[in-house]
Amino acid sequence: MMEKLIKILEEIQPGIDYHTCEHLIDDHYLNSLAILALVAELEEAYDIVIPAVEIVPDNFNCAQQMYALITKLLEEE
């Protein structure tokens, strides 16, 4: 499932090593428009709803944090 996430990230913003980058938002690799696109893609790909309160830098600064959020949301269903 992590590779699916990496593929989505690469489609939205190519050229970043998502396996190692831990500051996607802090270092401005992902801007607000990219985050909105990412949220929509993740919701569709994983059949989840990401609540607005979860759309914070802590959840989107690296692929591992995003994956943890996705896993948490899938478990809550």
PDB file of N, CA and C in Angstrom:
ATOM      1  N   MET A   1       0.819  -1.205   0.000  1.00  0.00           N
ATOM      2  CA  MET A   1       0.000   0.000   0.000  1.00  0.00           C
ATOM      3  C   MET A   1       0.861   1.266   0.000  1.00  0.00           C
ATOM      4  N   MET A   2       2.034   1.201   0.580  1.00  0.00           N
ATOM      5  CA  MET A   2       2.915   2.366   0.609  1.00  0.00           C
ATOM      6  C   MET A   2       3.343   2.747  -0.807  1.00  0.00           C
ATOM      7  N   GLU A   3       3.605   1.754  -1.659  1.00  0.00           N
ATOM      8  CA  GLU A   3       4.026   2.049  -3.029  1.00  0.00           C
ATOM      9  C   GLU A   3       2.918   2.759  -3.801  1.00  0.00           C
ATOM     10  N   LYS A   4       1.675   2.420  -3.501  1.00  0.00           N
ATOM     11  CA  LYS A   4       0.528   3.104  -4.109  1.00  0.00           C
ATOM     12  C   LYS A   4       0.554   4.589  -3.727  1.00  0.00           C
ATOM     13  N   LEU A   5       0.830   4.871  -2.478  1.00  0.00           N
ATOM     14  CA  LEU A   5       0.929   6.249  -1.994  1.00  0.00           C
ATOM     15  C   LEU A   5       2.077   6.974  -2.696  1.00  0.00           C
ATOM     16  N   ILE A   6       3.231   6.345  -2.789  1.00  0.00           N
ATOM     17  CA  ILE A   6       4.391   6.961  -3.444  1.00  0.00           C
ATOM     18  C   ILE A   6       4.059   7.278  -4.900  1.00  0.00           C
ATOM     19  N   LYS A   7       3.371   6.372  -5.574  1.00  0.00           N
ATOM     20  CA  LYS A   7       2.999   6.592  -6.980  1.00  0.00           C
ATOM     21  C   LYS A   7       2.078   7.811  -7.104  1.00  0.00           C
ATOM     22  N   ILE A   8       1.121   7.941  -6.216  1.00  0.00           N
ATOM     23  CA  ILE A   8       0.211   9.100  -6.225  1.00  0.00           C
ATOM     24  C   ILE A   8       1.007  10.381  -6.005  1.00  0.00           C
ATOM     25  N   LEU A   9       1.906  10.374  -5.034  1.00  0.00           N
ATOM     26  CA  LEU A   9       2.730  11.549  -4.755  1.00  0.00           C
ATOM     27  C   LEU A   9       3.576  11.929  -5.962  1.00  0.00           C
ATOM     28  N   GLU A  10       4.160  10.939  -6.627  1.00  0.00           N
ATOM     29  CA  GLU A  10       5.006  11.208  -7.783  1.00  0.00           C
ATOM     30  C   GLU A  10       4.208  11.772  -8.954  1.00  0.00           C
ATOM     31  N   GLU A  11       2.940  11.364  -9.068  1.00  0.00           N
ATOM     32  CA  GLU A  11       2.084  11.908 -10.132  1.00  0.00           C
ATOM     33  C   GLU A  11       1.750  13.368  -9.860  1.00  0.00           C
ATOM     34  N   ILE A  12       1.548  13.718  -8.602  1.00  0.00           N
ATOM     35  CA  ILE A  12       1.188  15.088  -8.241  1.00  0.00           C
ATOM     36  C   ILE A  12       2.404  16.008  -8.277  1.00  0.00           C
ATOM     37  N   GLN A  13       3.533  15.539  -7.733  1.00  0.00           N
ATOM     38  CA  GLN A  13       4.757  16.358  -7.681  1.00  0.00           C
ATOM     39  C   GLN A  13       5.957  15.451  -7.933  1.00  0.00           C
ATOM     40  N   PRO A  14       6.340  15.288  -9.209  1.00  0.00           N
ATOM     41  CA  PRO A  14       7.479  14.413  -9.514  1.00  0.00           C
ATOM     42  C   PRO A  14       8.818  15.013  -9.093  1.00  0.00           C
ATOM     43  N   GLY A  15       9.821  14.154  -9.047  1.00  0.00           N
ATOM     44  CA  GLY A  15      11.182  14.616  -8.799  1.00  0.00           C
ATOM     45  C   GLY A  15      11.596  14.723  -7.346  1.00  0.00           C
ATOM     46  N   ILE A  16      10.821  14.144  -6.448  1.00  0.00           N
ATOM     47  CA  ILE A  16      11.137  14.185  -5.015  1.00  0.00           C
ATOM     48  C   ILE A  16      11.321  12.750  -4.534  1.00  0.00           C
ATOM     49  N   ASP A  17      12.307  12.523  -3.677  1.00  0.00           N
ATOM     50  CA  ASP A  17      12.493  11.203  -3.087  1.00  0.00           C
ATOM     51  C   ASP A  17      11.553  11.068  -1.891  1.00  0.00           C
ATOM     52  N   TYR A  18      10.371  10.558  -2.155  1.00  0.00           N
ATOM     53  CA  TYR A  18       9.351  10.449  -1.106  1.00  0.00           C
ATOM     54  C   TYR A  18       9.689   9.397  -0.059  1.00  0.00           C
ATOM     55  N   HIS A  19      10.624   8.523  -0.369  1.00  0.00           N
ATOM     56  CA  HIS A  19      11.026   7.507   0.609  1.00  0.00           C
ATOM     57  C   HIS A  19      11.837   8.120   1.744  1.00  0.00           C
ATOM     58  N   THR A  20      12.549   9.217   1.479  1.00  0.00           N
ATOM     59  CA  THR A  20      13.435   9.793   2.493  1.00  0.00           C
ATOM     60  C   THR A  20      13.060  11.213   2.925  1.00  0.00           C
ATOM     61  N   CYS A  21      12.335  11.952   2.097  1.00  0.00           N
ATOM     62  CA  CYS A  21      12.009  13.349   2.432  1.00  0.00           C
ATOM     63  C   CYS A  21      11.033  13.406   3.605  1.00  0.00           C
ATOM     64  N   GLU A  22      11.387  14.183   4.622  1.00  0.00           N
ATOM     65  CA  GLU A  22      10.555  14.277   5.823  1.00  0.00           C
ATOM     66  C   GLU A  22       9.993  15.676   6.040  1.00  0.00           C
ATOM     67  N   HIS A  23      10.160  16.563   5.068  1.00  0.00           N
ATOM     68  CA  HIS A  23       9.715  17.944   5.232  1.00  0.00           C
ATOM     69  C   HIS A  23       9.030  18.453   3.967  1.00  0.00           C
ATOM     70  N   LEU A  24       8.090  17.682   3.455  1.00  0.00           N
ATOM     71  CA  LEU A  24       7.437  18.036   2.194  1.00  0.00           C
ATOM     72  C   LEU A  24       6.734  19.381   2.252  1.00  0.00           C
ATOM     73  N   ILE A  25       6.101  19.667   3.363  1.00  0.00           N
ATOM     74  CA  ILE A  25       5.390  20.944   3.505  1.00  0.00           C
ATOM     75  C   ILE A  25       6.328  22.011   4.041  1.00  0.00           C
ATOM     76  N   ASP A  26       7.075  21.697   5.086  1.00  0.00           N
ATOM     77  CA  ASP A  26       7.982  22.678   5.693  1.00  0.00           C
ATOM     78  C   ASP A  26       8.989  23.225   4.683  1.00  0.00           C
ATOM     79  N   ASP A  27       9.460  22.363   3.762  1.00  0.00           N
ATOM     80  CA  ASP A  27      10.443  22.785   2.764  1.00  0.00           C
ATOM     81  C   ASP A  27       9.784  23.196   1.438  1.00  0.00           C
ATOM     82  N   HIS A  28       8.469  23.319   1.436  1.00  0.00           N
ATOM     83  CA  HIS A  28       7.685  23.824   0.297  1.00  0.00           C
ATOM     84  C   HIS A  28       7.755  22.940  -0.949  1.00  0.00           C
ATOM     85  N   TYR A  29       7.939  21.636  -0.772  1.00  0.00           N
ATOM     86  CA  TYR A  29       7.855  20.722  -1.907  1.00  0.00           C
ATOM     87  C   TYR A  29       6.400  20.569  -2.342  1.00  0.00           C
ATOM     88  N   LEU A  30       5.488  20.599  -1.367  1.00  0.00           N
ATOM     89  CA  LEU A  30       4.060  20.521  -1.659  1.00  0.00           C
ATOM     90  C   LEU A  30       3.406  21.824  -1.226  1.00  0.00           C
ATOM     91  N   ASN A  31       2.725  22.479  -2.166  1.00  0.00           N
ATOM     92  CA  ASN A  31       2.002  23.707  -1.819  1.00  0.00           C
ATOM     93  C   ASN A  31       0.535  23.370  -1.545  1.00  0.00           C
ATOM     94  N   SER A  32      -0.251  24.366  -1.248  1.00  0.00           N
ATOM     95  CA  SER A  32      -1.645  24.129  -0.864  1.00  0.00           C
ATOM     96  C   SER A  32      -2.451  23.482  -1.983  1.00  0.00           C
ATOM     97  N   LEU A  33      -2.203  23.855  -3.225  1.00  0.00           N
ATOM     98  CA  LEU A  33      -2.932  23.240  -4.337  1.00  0.00           C
ATOM     99  C   LEU A  33      -2.551  21.767  -4.487  1.00  0.00           C
ATOM    100  N   ALA A  34      -1.276  21.464  -4.305  1.00  0.00           N
ATOM    101  CA  ALA A  34      -0.834  20.072  -4.371  1.00  0.00           C
ATOM    102  C   ALA A  34      -1.461  19.257  -3.243  1.00  0.00           C
ATOM    103  N   ILE A  35      -1.581  19.853  -2.076  1.00  0.00           N
ATOM    104  CA  ILE A  35      -2.197  19.150  -0.936  1.00  0.00           C
ATOM    105  C   ILE A  35      -3.667  18.855  -1.233  1.00  0.00           C
ATOM    106  N   LEU A  36      -4.376  19.831  -1.783  1.00  0.00           N
ATOM    107  CA  LEU A  36      -5.788  19.607  -2.132  1.00  0.00           C
ATOM    108  C   LEU A  36      -5.921  18.480  -3.151  1.00  0.00           C
ATOM    109  N   ALA A  37      -5.072  18.494  -4.169  1.00  0.00           N
ATOM    110  CA  ALA A  37      -5.095  17.428  -5.170  1.00  0.00           C
ATOM    111  C   ALA A  37      -4.755  16.090  -4.530  1.00  0.00           C
ATOM    112  N   LEU A  38      -3.774  16.099  -3.638  1.00  0.00           N
ATOM    113  CA  LEU A  38      -3.356  14.883  -2.956  1.00  0.00           C
ATOM    114  C   LEU A  38      -4.478  14.309  -2.102  1.00  0.00           C
ATOM    115  N   VAL A  39      -5.151  15.161  -1.351  1.00  0.00           N
ATOM    116  CA  VAL A  39      -6.265  14.699  -0.512  1.00  0.00           C
ATOM    117  C   VAL A  39      -7.332  14.035  -1.379  1.00  0.00           C
ATOM    118  N   ALA A  40      -7.681  14.669  -2.483  1.00  0.00           N
ATOM    119  CA  ALA A  40      -8.698  14.102  -3.377  1.00  0.00           C
ATOM    120  C   ALA A  40      -8.244  12.752  -3.932  1.00  0.00           C
ATOM    121  N   GLU A  41      -6.986  12.660  -4.354  1.00  0.00           N
ATOM    122  CA  GLU A  41      -6.455  11.403  -4.887  1.00  0.00           C
ATOM    123  C   GLU A  41      -6.427  10.306  -3.829  1.00  0.00           C
ATOM    124  N   LEU A  42      -6.004  10.649  -2.618  1.00  0.00           N
ATOM    125  CA  LEU A  42      -5.947   9.654  -1.544  1.00  0.00           C
ATOM    126  C   LEU A  42      -7.336   9.162  -1.180  1.00  0.00           C
ATOM    127  N   GLU A  43      -8.285  10.080  -1.108  1.00  0.00           N
ATOM    128  CA  GLU A  43      -9.657   9.677  -0.778  1.00  0.00           C
ATOM    129  C   GLU A  43     -10.205   8.704  -1.816  1.00  0.00           C
ATOM    130  N   GLU A  44      -9.924   8.987  -3.079  1.00  0.00           N
ATOM    131  CA  GLU A  44     -10.414   8.105  -4.139  1.00  0.00           C
ATOM    132  C   GLU A  44      -9.666   6.772  -4.156  1.00  0.00           C
ATOM    133  N   ALA A  45      -8.356   6.825  -4.059  1.00  0.00           N
ATOM    134  CA  ALA A  45      -7.545   5.614  -4.164  1.00  0.00           C
ATOM    135  C   ALA A  45      -7.768   4.642  -3.001  1.00  0.00           C
ATOM    136  N   TYR A  46      -7.968   5.185  -1.805  1.00  0.00           N
ATOM    137  CA  TYR A  46      -8.092   4.341  -0.613  1.00  0.00           C
ATOM    138  C   TYR A  46      -9.532   4.244  -0.098  1.00  0.00           C
ATOM    139  N   ASP A  47     -10.465   4.898  -0.802  1.00  0.00           N
ATOM    140  CA  ASP A  47     -11.875   4.894  -0.412  1.00  0.00           C
ATOM    141  C   ASP A  47     -12.042   5.343   1.046  1.00  0.00           C
ATOM    142  N   ILE A  48     -11.462   6.497   1.341  1.00  0.00           N
ATOM    143  CA  ILE A  48     -11.543   7.076   2.681  1.00  0.00           C
ATOM    144  C   ILE A  48     -12.010   8.521   2.567  1.00  0.00           C
ATOM    145  N   VAL A  49     -12.371   9.093   3.692  1.00  0.00           N
ATOM    146  CA  VAL A  49     -12.657  10.522   3.781  1.00  0.00           C
ATOM    147  C   VAL A  49     -11.651  11.100   4.769  1.00  0.00           C
ATOM    148  N   ILE A  50     -10.907  12.102   4.321  1.00  0.00           N
ATOM    149  CA  ILE A  50      -9.928  12.747   5.195  1.00  0.00           C
ATOM    150  C   ILE A  50     -10.577  13.997   5.774  1.00  0.00           C
ATOM    151  N   PRO A  51     -10.916  13.976   7.056  1.00  0.00           N
ATOM    152  CA  PRO A  51     -11.557  15.144   7.679  1.00  0.00           C
ATOM    153  C   PRO A  51     -10.643  16.368   7.623  1.00  0.00           C
ATOM    154  N   ALA A  52     -11.244  17.537   7.531  1.00  0.00           N
ATOM    155  CA  ALA A  52     -10.485  18.789   7.456  1.00  0.00           C
ATOM    156  C   ALA A  52      -9.518  18.936   8.631  1.00  0.00           C
ATOM    157  N   VAL A  53      -9.912  18.467   9.812  1.00  0.00           N
ATOM    158  CA  VAL A  53      -9.032  18.598  10.984  1.00  0.00           C
ATOM    159  C   VAL A  53      -7.752  17.777  10.850  1.00  0.00           C
ATOM    160  N   GLU A  54      -7.745  16.797   9.925  1.00  0.00           N
ATOM    161  CA  GLU A  54      -6.558  15.964   9.716  1.00  0.00           C
ATOM    162  C   GLU A  54      -5.624  16.546   8.650  1.00  0.00           C
ATOM    163  N   ILE A  55      -6.075  17.586   7.948  1.00  0.00           N
ATOM    164  CA  ILE A  55      -5.252  18.178   6.886  1.00  0.00           C
ATOM    165  C   ILE A  55      -4.357  19.246   7.507  1.00  0.00           C
ATOM    166  N   VAL A  56      -3.335  18.758   8.176  1.00  0.00           N
ATOM    167  CA  VAL A  56      -2.358  19.607   8.869  1.00  0.00           C
ATOM    168  C   VAL A  56      -0.952  19.152   8.469  1.00  0.00           C
ATOM    169  N   PRO A  57       0.034  20.032   8.573  1.00  0.00           N
ATOM    170  CA  PRO A  57       1.392  19.660   8.166  1.00  0.00           C
ATOM    171  C   PRO A  57       1.916  18.383   8.817  1.00  0.00           C
ATOM    172  N   ASP A  58       1.597  18.157  10.075  1.00  0.00           N
ATOM    173  CA  ASP A  58       2.092  16.950  10.753  1.00  0.00           C
ATOM    174  C   ASP A  58       1.683  15.665  10.030  1.00  0.00           C
ATOM    175  N   ASN A  59       0.530  15.684   9.370  1.00  0.00           N
ATOM    176  CA  ASN A  59       0.055  14.485   8.675  1.00  0.00           C
ATOM    177  C   ASN A  59       0.556  14.388   7.239  1.00  0.00           C
ATOM    178  N   PHE A  60       1.141  15.466   6.708  1.00  0.00           N
ATOM    179  CA  PHE A  60       1.509  15.480   5.292  1.00  0.00           C
ATOM    180  C   PHE A  60       2.966  15.848   5.034  1.00  0.00           C
ATOM    181  N   ASN A  61       3.809  15.920   6.054  1.00  0.00           N
ATOM    182  CA  ASN A  61       5.199  16.308   5.870  1.00  0.00           C
ATOM    183  C   ASN A  61       6.050  15.199   5.253  1.00  0.00           C
ATOM    184  N   CYS A  62       5.618  13.956   5.372  1.00  0.00           N
ATOM    185  CA  CYS A  62       6.358  12.861   4.735  1.00  0.00           C
ATOM    186  C   CYS A  62       5.396  11.724   4.408  1.00  0.00           C
ATOM    187  N   ALA A  63       5.842  10.864   3.510  1.00  0.00           N
ATOM    188  CA  ALA A  63       4.999   9.753   3.070  1.00  0.00           C
ATOM    189  C   ALA A  63       4.625   8.842   4.238  1.00  0.00           C
ATOM    190  N   GLN A  64       5.547   8.655   5.176  1.00  0.00           N
ATOM    191  CA  GLN A  64       5.267   7.777   6.314  1.00  0.00           C
ATOM    192  C   GLN A  64       4.122   8.333   7.171  1.00  0.00           C
ATOM    193  N   GLN A  65       4.094   9.648   7.360  1.00  0.00           N
ATOM    194  CA  GLN A  65       3.004  10.253   8.130  1.00  0.00           C
ATOM    195  C   GLN A  65       1.681  10.137   7.383  1.00  0.00           C
ATOM    196  N   MET A  66       1.721  10.315   6.072  1.00  0.00           N
ATOM    197  CA  MET A  66       0.504  10.164   5.273  1.00  0.00           C
ATOM    198  C   MET A  66      -0.004   8.733   5.351  1.00  0.00           C
ATOM    199  N   TYR A  67       0.921   7.790   5.262  1.00  0.00           N
ATOM    200  CA  TYR A  67       0.551   6.381   5.328  1.00  0.00           C
ATOM    201  C   TYR A  67      -0.068   6.042   6.681  1.00  0.00           C
ATOM    202  N   ALA A  68       0.483   6.604   7.738  1.00  0.00           N
ATOM    203  CA  ALA A  68      -0.079   6.383   9.076  1.00  0.00           C
ATOM    204  C   ALA A  68      -1.495   6.950   9.162  1.00  0.00           C
ATOM    205  N   LEU A  69      -1.725   8.113   8.572  1.00  0.00           N
ATOM    206  CA  LEU A  69      -3.063   8.709   8.561  1.00  0.00           C
ATOM    207  C   LEU A  69      -4.030   7.820   7.780  1.00  0.00           C
ATOM    208  N   ILE A  70      -3.605   7.376   6.611  1.00  0.00           N
ATOM    209  CA  ILE A  70      -4.459   6.498   5.791  1.00  0.00           C
ATOM    210  C   ILE A  70      -4.811   5.239   6.567  1.00  0.00           C
ATOM    211  N   THR A  71      -3.821   4.628   7.186  1.00  0.00           N
ATOM    212  CA  THR A  71      -4.048   3.399   7.965  1.00  0.00           C
ATOM    213  C   THR A  71      -5.038   3.659   9.101  1.00  0.00           C
ATOM    214  N   LYS A  72      -4.858   4.769   9.790  1.00  0.00           N
ATOM    215  CA  LYS A  72      -5.763   5.120  10.897  1.00  0.00           C
ATOM    216  C   LYS A  72      -7.195   5.292  10.390  1.00  0.00           C
ATOM    217  N   LEU A  73      -7.356   5.983   9.274  1.00  0.00           N
ATOM    218  CA  LEU A  73      -8.696   6.220   8.727  1.00  0.00           C
ATOM    219  C   LEU A  73      -9.332   4.929   8.234  1.00  0.00           C
ATOM    220  N   LEU A  74      -8.529   4.040   7.663  1.00  0.00           N
ATOM    221  CA  LEU A  74      -9.064   2.747   7.214  1.00  0.00           C
ATOM    222  C   LEU A  74      -9.511   1.898   8.395  1.00  0.00           C
ATOM    223  N   GLU A  75      -8.777   1.981   9.501  1.00  0.00           N
ATOM    224  CA  GLU A  75      -9.124   1.201  10.691  1.00  0.00           C
ATOM    225  C   GLU A  75     -10.386   1.724  11.357  1.00  0.00           C
ATOM    226  N   GLU A  76     -10.643   3.028  11.204  1.00  0.00           N
ATOM    227  CA  GLU A  76     -11.815   3.621  11.841  1.00  0.00           C
ATOM    228  C   GLU A  76     -13.111   3.311  11.116  1.00  0.00           C
ATOM    229  N   GLU A  77     -13.022   2.859   9.877  1.00  0.00           N
ATOM    230  CA  GLU A  77     -14.240   2.595   9.103  1.00  0.00           C
ATOM    231  C   GLU A  77     -14.984   1.397   9.620  1.00  0.00           C
TER     232      GLU A  77
END
